[in-house]
C-alpha atoms as a PDB file:
ATOM      1  CA  MET A   1     -26.190 -44.916 124.010  1.00  0.00           C
ATOM      2  CA  LYS A   2     -25.033 -48.318 123.024  1.00  0.00           C
ATOM      3  CA  PRO A   3     -25.283 -50.957 124.704  1.00  0.00           C
ATOM      4  CA  ALA A   4     -21.471 -51.514 124.588  1.00  0.00           C
ATOM      5  CA  GLU A   5     -21.015 -48.130 126.377  1.00  0.00           C
ATOM      6  CA  LYS A   6     -24.061 -48.593 128.899  1.00  0.00           C
ATOM      7  CA  LEU A   7     -22.236 -51.840 130.216  1.00  0.00           C
ATOM      8  CA  ARG A   8     -18.507 -50.232 130.302  1.00  0.00           C
ATOM      9  CA  ARG A   9     -20.476 -47.361 132.459  1.00  0.00           C
ATOM     10  CA  LEU A  10     -22.116 -49.463 134.754  1.00  0.00           C
ATOM     11  CA  ALA A  11     -18.704 -51.784 135.012  1.00  0.00           C
ATOM     12  CA  VAL A  12     -16.688 -48.381 136.193  1.00  0.00           C
ATOM     13  CA  SER A  13     -20.020 -47.495 138.193  1.00  0.00           C
ATOM     14  CA  ALA A  14     -19.646 -50.985 140.641  1.00  0.00           C
ATOM     15  CA  LEU A  15     -15.624 -50.580 140.718  1.00  0.00           C
ATOM     16  CA  LEU A  16     -15.986 -47.056 141.952  1.00  0.00           C
ATOM     17  CA  LEU A  17     -18.629 -48.171 144.498  1.00  0.00           C
ATOM     18  CA  SER A  18     -16.508 -51.031 146.093  1.00  0.00           C
ATOM     19  CA  VAL A  19     -13.525 -48.550 146.113  1.00  0.00           C
ATOM     20  CA  LEU A  20     -16.025 -46.431 147.872  1.00  0.00           C
ATOM     21  CA  GLU A  21     -17.042 -49.448 150.271  1.00  0.00           C
ATOM     22  CA  ILE A  22     -13.679 -50.154 150.893  1.00  0.00           C
ATOM     23  CA  GLY A  23     -12.343 -46.882 151.710  1.00  0.00           C
ATOM     24  CA  ALA A  24     -15.130 -46.272 153.927  1.00  0.00           C
ATOM     25  CA  CYS A  25     -14.462 -49.966 156.048  1.00  0.00           C
ATOM     26  CA  SER A  26     -10.803 -48.707 156.439  1.00  0.00           C
ATOM     27  CA  ALA A  27     -11.700 -45.225 157.429  1.00  0.00           C
ATOM     28  CA  ARG A  28     -12.885 -46.946 160.406  1.00  0.00           C
ATOM     29  CA  PRO A  29     -11.224 -46.352 163.567  1.00  0.00           C
ATOM     30  CA  PRO A  30      -9.697 -49.531 164.933  1.00  0.00           C
ATOM     31  CA  LEU A  31     -11.653 -51.613 167.805  1.00  0.00           C
ATOM     32  CA  VAL A  32     -10.985 -50.250 171.516  1.00  0.00           C
ATOM     33  CA  LEU A  33      -9.894 -53.790 173.107  1.00  0.00           C
ATOM     34  CA  ALA A  34      -9.655 -54.562 176.771  1.00  0.00           C
ATOM     35  CA  GLU A  35      -6.519 -53.042 178.050  1.00  0.00           C
ATOM     36  CA  HIS A  36      -6.034 -56.564 179.759  1.00  0.00           C
ATOM     37  CA  VAL A  37      -7.182 -60.277 179.555  1.00  0.00           C
ATOM     38  CA  ASP A  38      -6.000 -62.504 182.131  1.00  0.00           C
ATOM     39  CA  VAL A  39      -6.292 -65.517 180.309  1.00  0.00           C
ATOM     40  CA  PRO A  40      -6.348 -68.559 182.756  1.00  0.00           C
ATOM     41  CA  ARG A  41      -9.024 -66.463 184.482  1.00  0.00           C
ATOM     42  CA  PHE A  42     -10.958 -66.148 181.328  1.00  0.00           C
ATOM     43  CA  MET A  43     -11.149 -69.734 180.679  1.00  0.00           C
ATOM     44  CA  GLY A  44     -14.187 -71.932 181.323  1.00  0.00           C
ATOM     45  CA  SER A  45     -17.599 -71.447 180.222  1.00  0.00           C
ATOM     46  CA  TRP A  46     -19.185 -68.714 178.464  1.00  0.00           C
ATOM     47  CA  PHE A  47     -23.168 -68.304 177.894  1.00  0.00           C
ATOM     48  CA  VAL A  48     -23.896 -66.306 174.436  1.00  0.00           C
ATOM     49  CA  ILE A  49     -26.596 -63.967 175.602  1.00  0.00           C
ATOM     50  CA  ALA A  50     -26.306 -62.493 172.356  1.00  0.00           C
ATOM     51  CA  CYS A  51     -24.539 -62.477 169.116  1.00  0.00           C
ATOM     52  CA  ILE A  52     -24.562 -60.862 165.344  1.00  0.00           C
ATOM     53  CA  PRO A  53     -24.619 -64.161 164.277  1.00  0.00           C
ATOM     54  CA  THR A  54     -22.349 -66.313 162.124  1.00  0.00           C
ATOM     55  CA  ARG A  55     -24.219 -68.742 159.908  1.00  0.00           C
ATOM     56  CA  ILE A  56     -24.422 -71.458 162.124  1.00  0.00           C
ATOM     57  CA  GLU A  57     -25.560 -69.676 164.939  1.00  0.00           C
ATOM     58  CA  ARG A  58     -28.434 -67.989 163.235  1.00  0.00           C
ATOM     59  CA  ASP A  59     -31.097 -70.489 165.340  1.00  0.00           C
ATOM     60  CA  ALA A  60     -29.006 -71.244 168.116  1.00  0.00           C
ATOM     61  CA  TYR A  61     -30.363 -72.157 171.481  1.00  0.00           C
ATOM     62  CA  ALA A  62     -28.703 -72.730 174.787  1.00  0.00           C
ATOM     63  CA  ALA A  63     -25.009 -71.922 173.147  1.00  0.00           C
ATOM     64  CA  VAL A  64     -22.231 -72.274 175.407  1.00  0.00           C
ATOM     65  CA  GLU A  65     -18.535 -71.153 174.508  1.00  0.00           C
ATOM     66  CA  SER A  66     -16.350 -72.847 176.686  1.00  0.00           C
ATOM     67  CA  TYR A  67     -12.449 -72.315 177.023  1.00  0.00           C
ATOM     68  CA  GLN A  68      -9.568 -74.624 178.172  1.00  0.00           C
ATOM     69  CA  LEU A  69      -5.823 -73.376 178.087  1.00  0.00           C
ATOM     70  CA  GLU A  70      -3.529 -75.861 177.014  1.00  0.00           C
ATOM     71  CA  PRO A  71       0.086 -75.794 177.469  1.00  0.00           C
ATOM     72  CA  GLY A  72       2.216 -73.947 174.723  1.00  0.00           C
ATOM     73  CA  GLY A  73      -0.688 -71.508 174.508  1.00  0.00           C
ATOM     74  CA  ARG A  74      -3.427 -72.742 172.785  1.00  0.00           C
ATOM     75  CA  VAL A  75      -6.654 -72.553 173.847  1.00  0.00           C
ATOM     76  CA  ARG A  76      -9.152 -75.637 173.076  1.00  0.00           C
ATOM     77  CA  THR A  77     -12.612 -74.693 172.491  1.00  0.00           C
ATOM     78  CA  VAL A  78     -16.118 -76.161 172.706  1.00  0.00           C
ATOM     79  CA  PHE A  79     -18.768 -74.209 170.676  1.00  0.00           C
ATOM     80  CA  SER A  80     -21.927 -75.690 171.806  1.00  0.00           C
ATOM     81  CA  PHE A  81     -25.806 -75.148 171.254  1.00  0.00           C
ATOM     82  CA  ARG A  82     -29.352 -76.873 170.135  1.00  0.00           C
ATOM     83  CA  LYS A  83     -30.340 -76.222 166.224  1.00  0.00           C
ATOM     84  CA  GLY A  84     -34.069 -74.497 166.065  1.00  0.00           C
ATOM     85  CA  GLY A  85     -35.015 -75.054 169.990  1.00  0.00           C
ATOM     86  CA  PHE A  86     -34.425 -76.200 173.275  1.00  0.00           C
ATOM     87  CA  ASP A  87     -34.864 -79.836 172.065  1.00  0.00           C
ATOM     88  CA  GLY A  88     -33.275 -79.593 168.897  1.00  0.00           C
ATOM     89  CA  PRO A  89     -30.362 -81.566 167.750  1.00  0.00           C
ATOM     90  CA  ALA A  90     -27.390 -80.648 170.041  1.00  0.00           C
ATOM     91  CA  LYS A  91     -24.450 -78.890 167.881  1.00  0.00           C
ATOM     92  CA  ARG A  92     -20.654 -79.103 168.710  1.00  0.00           C
ATOM     93  CA  TYR A  93     -17.708 -77.005 167.113  1.00  0.00           C
ATOM     94  CA  HIS A  94     -14.185 -77.754 168.394  1.00  0.00           C
ATOM     95  CA  PRO A  95     -12.360 -74.618 167.049  1.00  0.00           C
ATOM     96  CA  THR A  96      -8.450 -74.194 168.434  1.00  0.00           C
ATOM     97  CA  GLY A  97      -7.589 -70.835 169.505  1.00  0.00           C
ATOM     98  CA  PHE A  98      -4.473 -68.907 169.698  1.00  0.00           C
ATOM     99  CA  ILE A  99      -3.489 -65.906 171.600  1.00  0.00           C
ATOM    100  CA  HIS A 100      -1.334 -63.211 170.188  1.00  0.00           C
ATOM    101  CA  PRO A 101       1.368 -61.939 172.927  1.00  0.00           C
ATOM    102  CA  GLU A 102       1.292 -58.497 171.632  1.00  0.00           C
ATOM    103  CA  GLY A 103      -2.318 -57.961 172.785  1.00  0.00           C
ATOM    104  CA  ASN A 104      -2.594 -58.456 176.412  1.00  0.00           C
ATOM    105  CA  GLY A 105      -4.938 -61.716 175.991  1.00  0.00           C
ATOM    106  CA  ALA A 106      -7.092 -59.453 174.066  1.00  0.00           C
ATOM    107  CA  ILE A 107      -6.406 -60.229 170.513  1.00  0.00           C
ATOM    108  CA  TRP A 108      -7.051 -64.213 169.453  1.00  0.00           C
ATOM    109  CA  ASP A 109      -7.437 -66.009 166.381  1.00  0.00           C
ATOM    110  CA  MET A 110      -9.685 -68.880 165.826  1.00  0.00           C
ATOM    111  CA  GLN A 111      -8.787 -71.648 163.984  1.00  0.00           C
ATOM    112  CA  PHE A 112     -12.311 -73.304 162.631  1.00  0.00           C
ATOM    113  CA  ILE A 113     -10.859 -75.259 159.708  1.00  0.00           C
ATOM    114  CA  TRP A 114      -6.842 -75.669 159.082  1.00  0.00           C
ATOM    115  CA  PRO A 115      -5.275 -73.641 157.773  1.00  0.00           C
ATOM    116  CA  LEU A 116      -7.757 -70.655 158.029  1.00  0.00           C
ATOM    117  CA  ARG A 117      -7.603 -68.713 161.261  1.00  0.00           C
ATOM    118  CA  ALA A 118     -10.523 -65.501 161.884  1.00  0.00           C
ATOM    119  CA  ASP A 119      -9.303 -62.647 163.926  1.00  0.00           C
ATOM    120  CA  TYR A 120     -11.104 -62.621 167.487  1.00  0.00           C
ATOM    121  CA  ARG A 121     -11.049 -59.375 169.574  1.00  0.00           C
ATOM    122  CA  ILE A 122     -12.053 -59.270 173.469  1.00  0.00           C
ATOM    123  CA  LEU A 123     -13.347 -55.968 173.649  1.00  0.00           C
ATOM    124  CA  TYR A 124     -14.919 -55.926 177.315  1.00  0.00           C
ATOM    125  CA  VAL A 125     -14.478 -57.901 180.253  1.00  0.00           C
ATOM    126  CA  ASP A 126     -15.564 -56.716 183.637  1.00  0.00           C
ATOM    127  CA  ALA A 127     -13.604 -56.915 186.863  1.00  0.00           C
ATOM    128  CA  ASP A 128     -15.234 -60.351 188.011  1.00  0.00           C
ATOM    129  CA  TYR A 129     -14.525 -61.831 184.697  1.00  0.00           C
ATOM    130  CA  THR A 130     -18.744 -62.574 184.676  1.00  0.00           C
ATOM    131  CA  LEU A 131     -19.314 -60.553 181.455  1.00  0.00           C
ATOM    132  CA  THR A 132     -17.617 -60.128 178.170  1.00  0.00           C
ATOM    133  CA  VAL A 133     -17.869 -58.833 174.409  1.00  0.00           C
ATOM    134  CA  ILE A 134     -16.098 -60.212 171.793  1.00  0.00           C
ATOM    135  CA  GLY A 135     -15.869 -58.713 168.401  1.00  0.00           C
ATOM    136  CA  ARG A 136     -13.936 -58.755 164.954  1.00  0.00           C
ATOM    137  CA  PRO A 137     -12.180 -55.907 163.284  1.00  0.00           C
ATOM    138  CA  GLN A 138     -14.469 -56.007 159.980  1.00  0.00           C
ATOM    139  CA  ARG A 139     -17.555 -55.666 162.358  1.00  0.00           C
ATOM    140  CA  ASP A 140     -19.343 -58.297 160.831  1.00  0.00           C
ATOM    141  CA  PHE A 141     -19.809 -60.758 163.988  1.00  0.00           C
ATOM    142  CA  ALA A 142     -19.522 -59.882 167.614  1.00  0.00           C
ATOM    143  CA  TRP A 143     -20.573 -61.799 170.932  1.00  0.00           C
ATOM    144  CA  ILE A 144     -22.099 -60.491 173.945  1.00  0.00           C
ATOM    145  CA  MET A 145     -21.339 -63.720 176.690  1.00  0.00           C
ATOM    146  CA  ALA A 146     -21.847 -63.867 180.732  1.00  0.00           C
ATOM    147  CA  ARG A 147     -21.123 -66.680 183.163  1.00  0.00           C
ATOM    148  CA  SER A 148     -24.479 -67.464 183.598  1.00  0.00           C
ATOM    149  CA  PRO A 149     -27.747 -68.019 181.213  1.00  0.00           C
ATOM    150  CA  GLN A 150     -29.164 -64.511 182.170  1.00  0.00           C
ATOM    151  CA  ILE A 151     -28.120 -60.910 182.671  1.00  0.00           C
ATOM    152  CA  ALA A 152     -29.755 -57.932 183.696  1.00  0.00           C
ATOM    153  CA  PRO A 153     -31.314 -55.998 181.220  1.00  0.00           C
ATOM    154  CA  ALA A 154     -29.154 -52.992 182.573  1.00  0.00           C
ATOM    155  CA  ASP A 155     -26.033 -54.944 181.799  1.00  0.00           C
ATOM    156  CA  TYR A 156     -27.657 -55.799 178.093  1.00  0.00           C
ATOM    157  CA  GLU A 157     -27.858 -52.610 177.202  1.00  0.00           C
ATOM    158  CA  ARG A 158     -24.599 -51.322 178.488  1.00  0.00           C
ATOM    159  CA  LEU A 159     -22.881 -53.979 176.659  1.00  0.00           C
ATOM    160  CA  ARG A 160     -25.377 -53.490 173.477  1.00  0.00           C
ATOM    161  CA  THR A 161     -24.106 -49.580 173.664  1.00  0.00           C
ATOM    162  CA  LEU A 162     -20.769 -50.534 173.721  1.00  0.00           C
ATOM    163  CA  LEU A 163     -20.813 -52.362 170.525  1.00  0.00           C
ATOM    164  CA  LEU A 164     -22.918 -49.569 169.033  1.00  0.00           C
ATOM    165  CA  GLN A 165     -20.136 -47.295 170.403  1.00  0.00           C
ATOM    166  CA  GLN A 166     -17.775 -49.509 168.625  1.00  0.00           C
ATOM    167  CA  GLY A 167     -19.538 -49.023 164.985  1.00  0.00           C
ATOM    168  CA  TYR A 168     -21.419 -52.019 164.682  1.00  0.00           C
ATOM    169  CA  ASP A 169     -24.668 -52.511 163.378  1.00  0.00           C
ATOM    170  CA  VAL A 170     -26.501 -53.433 166.779  1.00  0.00           C
ATOM    171  CA  SER A 171     -30.112 -53.876 164.557  1.00  0.00           C
ATOM    172  CA  LEU A 172     -28.526 -57.385 163.740  1.00  0.00           C
ATOM    173  CA  LEU A 173     -27.901 -58.208 167.717  1.00  0.00           C
ATOM    174  CA  ARG A 174     -29.758 -61.481 168.090  1.00  0.00           C
ATOM    175  CA  GLN A 175     -30.810 -62.671 171.651  1.00  0.00           C
ATOM    176  CA  VAL A 176     -29.595 -66.116 172.082  1.00  0.00           C
ATOM    177  CA  PRO A 177     -32.309 -68.253 174.106  1.00  0.00           C
ATOM    178  CA  GLN A 178     -31.148 -69.718 177.179  1.00  0.00           C
ATOM    179  CA  GLN A 179     -32.831 -71.764 179.709  1.00  0.00           C
ATOM    180  CA  PRO A 180     -32.641 -71.003 183.132  1.00  0.00           C
ATOM    181  CA  PRO A 181     -30.410 -72.983 185.408  1.00  0.00           C
END
């Protein structure tokens, strides 16, 4: 076989693989969201217990996400953590949240850099608003968060299973080290 023919076949194979991957992603069922999120009650600080991390979270310690509802429905957000250890440099990010009116409080966009927004979904929040799970339709990132820096192992396992049932690769979950209060 001539080199040009090999290259053409390789390109066709790569294209078919891409189409199959896109088809497999779109074949996923939609995420099951929390039925209703009482947005004012959701505000405040949440400790990140575990996550399928973004690039900036890969070496985060003592990570906390804090929300404050502003007039007009925007959510002022502060994501803070220590990089590399409890004594590592402090990092803070200030994205803005935008709550979709049609999502019963469970569908948010987060804007880290204008004009780009990322789609975030509240998959679960318990009745006491002490545990939550946040995800994305792409199932690339996820967060298990709590109002306290530690949760019971049974709660962690239940929330991990929820992510698994929603189609996440839970082998990618990283437990975020938190210091006890």
